[in-house]
């Protein structure tokens, strides 16, 4: 059963009204989808935070707009860089039986052997595009790099999906690699610099599939 989030339709769209909504603890939002008419709404900031904690970033939400419910997922949001607060939300209306394309966070887990040996971890991509029904969208996709050695890579084809979703990347697309240790170049005076110690680098727009 989906978690219910209360929303109200916005009839006043002026900038001043948006500011007032935010001052009152609300977040302007829009609901859209292939089979629904785009509708401006607003939700309580506190309620949205509780809902995301309950269902996760990619979970299905039952959005109740003035008594009319629609299954949605949190498609995108805008955040105030200074206050670190969400200032606008996009909800994508979904059909639980229909597949959609979403972006899911890619998380590298463990400390690679190659990093311990002085190699440098590189993560070219931090999100994976997948196709899935709404109920099977993972909160994040984890890749264990513990045994990754210097010169080795992990590619998209190495990531298991468990049958719940399909990864929309070429199998040979690199998602993580361990580069050899960096060596400083000799300076003009002819003096040899000491070998550098590499730093450890740690490591949804959504759209319906086929107009569904």
Protein backbone atom coordinates (compact mmCIF):
# COMPACT_ATOMS: atom_id res chain seq x y z
CA UNK A 1 0.00 0.00 0.00
CA UNK A 2 1.38 3.40 -1.01
CA UNK A 3 2.05 6.10 1.55
CA UNK A 4 -0.45 8.97 1.19
CA UNK A 5 0.82 12.54 0.83
CA UNK A 6 -1.72 15.34 0.99
CA UNK A 7 -1.54 18.07 -1.66
CA UNK A 8 -3.62 21.04 -2.74
CA UNK A 9 -3.98 22.52 -6.20
CA UNK A 10 -2.33 25.89 -6.79
CA UNK A 11 -4.58 28.44 -8.45
CA UNK A 12 -2.34 31.46 -7.88
CA UNK A 13 0.92 31.15 -9.81
CA UNK A 14 2.53 34.55 -9.26
CA UNK A 15 6.05 34.68 -7.84
CA UNK A 16 4.80 36.45 -4.72
CA UNK A 17 2.39 33.59 -3.99
CA UNK A 18 5.19 31.04 -4.31
CA UNK A 19 7.23 32.96 -1.76
CA UNK A 20 4.25 33.06 0.59
CA UNK A 21 3.72 29.30 0.22
CA UNK A 22 7.33 28.64 1.18
CA UNK A 23 7.14 31.04 4.12
CA UNK A 24 4.16 29.04 5.37
CA UNK A 25 6.13 25.79 5.30
CA UNK A 26 4.88 24.50 1.96
CA UNK A 27 6.64 23.45 -1.25
CA UNK A 28 5.30 24.33 -4.73
CA UNK A 29 5.11 21.30 -6.99
CA UNK A 30 3.74 20.03 -10.28
CA UNK A 31 2.16 16.71 -11.17
CA UNK A 32 2.65 15.49 -14.75
CA UNK A 33 2.60 12.31 -16.78
CA UNK A 34 1.80 10.78 -20.15
CA UNK A 35 -1.83 10.13 -19.24
CA UNK A 36 -2.57 13.03 -16.89
CA UNK A 37 -2.91 16.76 -17.36
CA UNK A 38 -0.08 18.75 -15.79
CA UNK A 39 -1.31 20.32 -12.57
CA UNK A 40 0.40 22.81 -10.20
CA UNK A 41 0.03 21.81 -6.55
CA UNK A 42 1.73 22.34 -3.21
CA UNK A 43 2.59 20.03 -0.32
CA UNK A 44 3.69 20.51 3.26
CA UNK A 45 7.48 20.54 3.55
CA UNK A 46 7.32 18.53 6.78
CA UNK A 47 4.94 15.96 5.28
CA UNK A 48 7.12 15.54 2.18
CA UNK A 49 10.20 14.95 4.34
CA UNK A 50 8.34 12.30 6.37
CA UNK A 51 7.07 10.64 3.19
CA UNK A 52 10.51 10.41 1.60
CA UNK A 53 11.90 8.94 4.82
CA UNK A 54 9.08 6.38 4.75
CA UNK A 55 9.13 5.25 1.09
CA UNK A 56 12.61 6.36 0.02
CA UNK A 57 13.76 8.65 -2.79
CA UNK A 58 12.33 6.41 -5.51
CA UNK A 59 9.28 4.99 -3.72
CA UNK A 60 5.70 5.19 -4.96
CA UNK A 61 3.58 7.87 -3.26
CA UNK A 62 -0.19 8.11 -3.27
CA UNK A 63 -0.62 11.85 -3.88
CA UNK A 64 -4.01 13.05 -2.64
CA UNK A 65 -4.83 16.28 -4.44
CA UNK A 66 -7.98 17.69 -2.87
CA UNK A 67 -9.47 14.21 -2.48
CA UNK A 68 -8.32 12.76 -5.82
CA UNK A 69 -5.48 10.22 -5.46
CA UNK A 70 -2.78 9.47 -8.02
CA UNK A 71 0.26 7.19 -7.73
CA UNK A 72 3.40 9.24 -8.30
CA UNK A 73 7.14 9.11 -7.81
CA UNK A 74 9.43 12.01 -6.95
CA UNK A 75 10.77 12.76 -10.42
CA UNK A 76 12.94 15.77 -9.64
CA UNK A 77 13.37 18.58 -7.16
CA UNK A 78 15.07 21.95 -6.91
CA UNK A 79 17.07 22.86 -3.83
CA UNK A 80 18.20 26.16 -2.38
CA UNK A 81 22.00 25.91 -2.43
CA UNK A 82 22.42 28.25 0.55
CA UNK A 83 19.65 27.03 2.85
CA UNK A 84 19.87 23.42 1.62
CA UNK A 85 16.07 23.30 1.45
CA UNK A 86 13.81 21.86 -1.26
CA UNK A 87 12.02 24.73 -3.02
CA UNK A 88 10.17 22.91 -5.83
CA UNK A 89 9.16 19.32 -6.62
CA UNK A 90 8.15 17.45 -9.78
CA UNK A 91 5.87 14.44 -9.30
CA UNK A 92 5.58 11.94 -12.16
CA UNK A 93 2.22 10.16 -12.31
CA UNK A 94 2.79 6.43 -12.78
CA UNK A 95 0.95 3.20 -13.44
CA UNK A 96 2.39 0.48 -11.20
CA UNK A 97 2.10 -2.07 -14.00
CA UNK A 98 3.91 0.08 -16.60
CA UNK A 99 7.68 0.38 -16.92
CA UNK A 100 9.42 3.76 -16.80
CA UNK A 101 12.97 5.05 -17.23
CA UNK A 102 14.57 6.46 -14.10
CA UNK A 103 17.98 7.58 -12.85
CA UNK A 104 19.21 5.71 -9.75
CA UNK A 105 22.21 6.61 -7.62
CA UNK A 106 25.28 4.39 -8.07
CA UNK A 107 27.19 3.74 -4.82
CA UNK A 108 30.63 2.10 -4.66
CA UNK A 109 31.00 -0.06 -1.55
CA UNK A 110 34.21 -1.10 0.21
CA UNK A 111 37.83 0.02 -0.02
CA UNK A 112 39.51 -1.37 -3.11
CA UNK A 113 42.74 -3.37 -2.80
CA UNK A 114 44.13 -1.19 -5.57
CA UNK A 115 43.59 1.97 -3.51
CA UNK A 116 45.39 0.41 -0.55
CA UNK A 117 48.27 -0.29 -2.93
CA UNK A 118 48.44 3.39 -3.90
CA UNK A 119 46.12 3.40 -6.90
CA UNK A 120 43.55 6.10 -7.56
CA UNK A 121 39.85 5.27 -7.69
CA UNK A 122 37.85 6.87 -10.49
CA UNK A 123 34.06 6.80 -10.82
CA UNK A 124 33.04 8.23 -14.22
CA UNK A 125 29.28 7.99 -13.58
CA UNK A 126 27.32 8.45 -10.35
CA UNK A 127 23.84 7.55 -11.61
CA UNK A 128 22.56 4.66 -13.68
CA UNK A 129 19.64 4.83 -16.07
CA UNK A 130 17.34 1.85 -15.57
CA UNK A 131 13.96 0.63 -16.81
CA UNK A 132 11.60 -0.78 -14.22
CA UNK A 133 8.06 -0.85 -12.93
CA UNK A 134 7.63 1.75 -10.14
CA UNK A 135 7.49 -0.85 -7.37
CA UNK A 136 10.82 -2.40 -8.43
CA UNK A 137 12.90 0.80 -8.56
CA UNK A 138 15.83 0.40 -6.10
CA UNK A 139 16.73 3.25 -3.79
CA UNK A 140 20.33 2.94 -4.97
CA UNK A 141 22.51 0.43 -6.78
CA UNK A 142 25.59 -0.73 -4.87
CA UNK A 143 28.76 -2.10 -6.44
CA UNK A 144 31.34 -3.86 -4.25
CA UNK A 145 34.84 -2.77 -5.29
CA UNK A 146 36.75 -4.40 -2.42
CA UNK A 147 38.67 -6.79 -4.70
CA UNK A 148 39.35 -4.26 -7.46
CA UNK A 149 43.08 -4.00 -8.15
CA UNK A 150 45.26 -1.43 -9.91
CA UNK A 151 44.49 -1.44 -13.63
CA UNK A 152 41.15 -3.20 -13.22
CA UNK A 153 37.71 -1.80 -14.04
CA UNK A 154 34.04 -2.47 -13.32
CA UNK A 155 31.69 -2.07 -16.27
CA UNK A 156 27.91 -1.80 -16.48
CA UNK A 157 27.66 -5.39 -17.64
CA UNK A 158 29.18 -6.55 -14.34
CA UNK A 159 26.28 -5.14 -12.31
CA UNK A 160 23.56 -7.69 -11.50
CA UNK A 161 19.97 -6.45 -11.75
CA UNK A 162 18.32 -9.41 -10.07
CA UNK A 163 15.67 -9.41 -12.78
CA UNK A 164 13.81 -6.51 -11.18
CA UNK A 165 15.09 -3.88 -13.58
CA UNK A 166 17.10 -3.40 -16.77
CA UNK A 167 20.23 -1.24 -16.91
CA UNK A 168 20.16 1.12 -19.89
CA UNK A 169 23.92 1.31 -20.46
CA UNK A 170 26.29 -0.46 -22.83
CA UNK A 171 27.82 -3.50 -21.16
CA UNK A 172 31.34 -2.13 -21.65
CA UNK A 173 30.65 1.30 -20.14
CA UNK A 174 33.09 1.85 -17.25
CA UNK A 175 31.53 2.68 -13.88
CA UNK A 176 34.69 2.40 -11.74
CA UNK A 177 38.41 1.87 -12.27
CA UNK A 178 41.69 1.93 -10.35
CA UNK A 179 44.43 3.98 -11.99
CA UNK A 180 48.15 3.43 -11.28
CA UNK A 181 49.78 5.70 -8.65
CA UNK A 182 50.63 9.18 -9.89
CA UNK A 183 54.30 10.06 -10.36
CA UNK A 184 55.36 13.71 -10.19
CA UNK A 185 57.37 15.06 -13.11
CA UNK A 186 60.94 16.23 -12.59
CA UNK A 187 61.18 19.99 -12.01
CA UNK A 188 63.34 22.23 -14.22
CA UNK A 189 66.19 22.33 -11.69
CA UNK A 190 66.70 18.64 -12.27
CA UNK A 191 65.67 17.71 -8.75
CA UNK A 192 63.51 14.60 -8.46
CA UNK A 193 60.16 15.10 -6.74
CA UNK A 194 58.97 12.45 -4.31
CA UNK A 195 56.28 10.17 -5.62
CA UNK A 196 52.85 11.60 -4.77
CA UNK A 197 50.44 9.80 -2.52
CA UNK A 198 47.12 9.55 -4.33
CA UNK A 199 44.03 10.87 -2.63
CA UNK A 200 41.18 8.44 -2.06
CA UNK A 201 38.17 9.45 -4.10
CA UNK A 202 34.93 8.16 -2.65
CA UNK A 203 32.75 6.41 -4.24
CA UNK A 204 15.53 10.70 -10.73
CA UNK A 205 14.98 12.92 -14.27
CA UNK A 206 12.41 10.33 -15.14
CA UNK A 207 10.28 9.70 -18.14
CA UNK A 208 7.64 7.16 -19.07
CA UNK A 209 8.72 4.35 -21.40
CA UNK A 210 7.07 4.37 -24.80
CA UNK A 211 4.60 7.11 -23.78
CA UNK A 212 3.17 4.94 -20.99
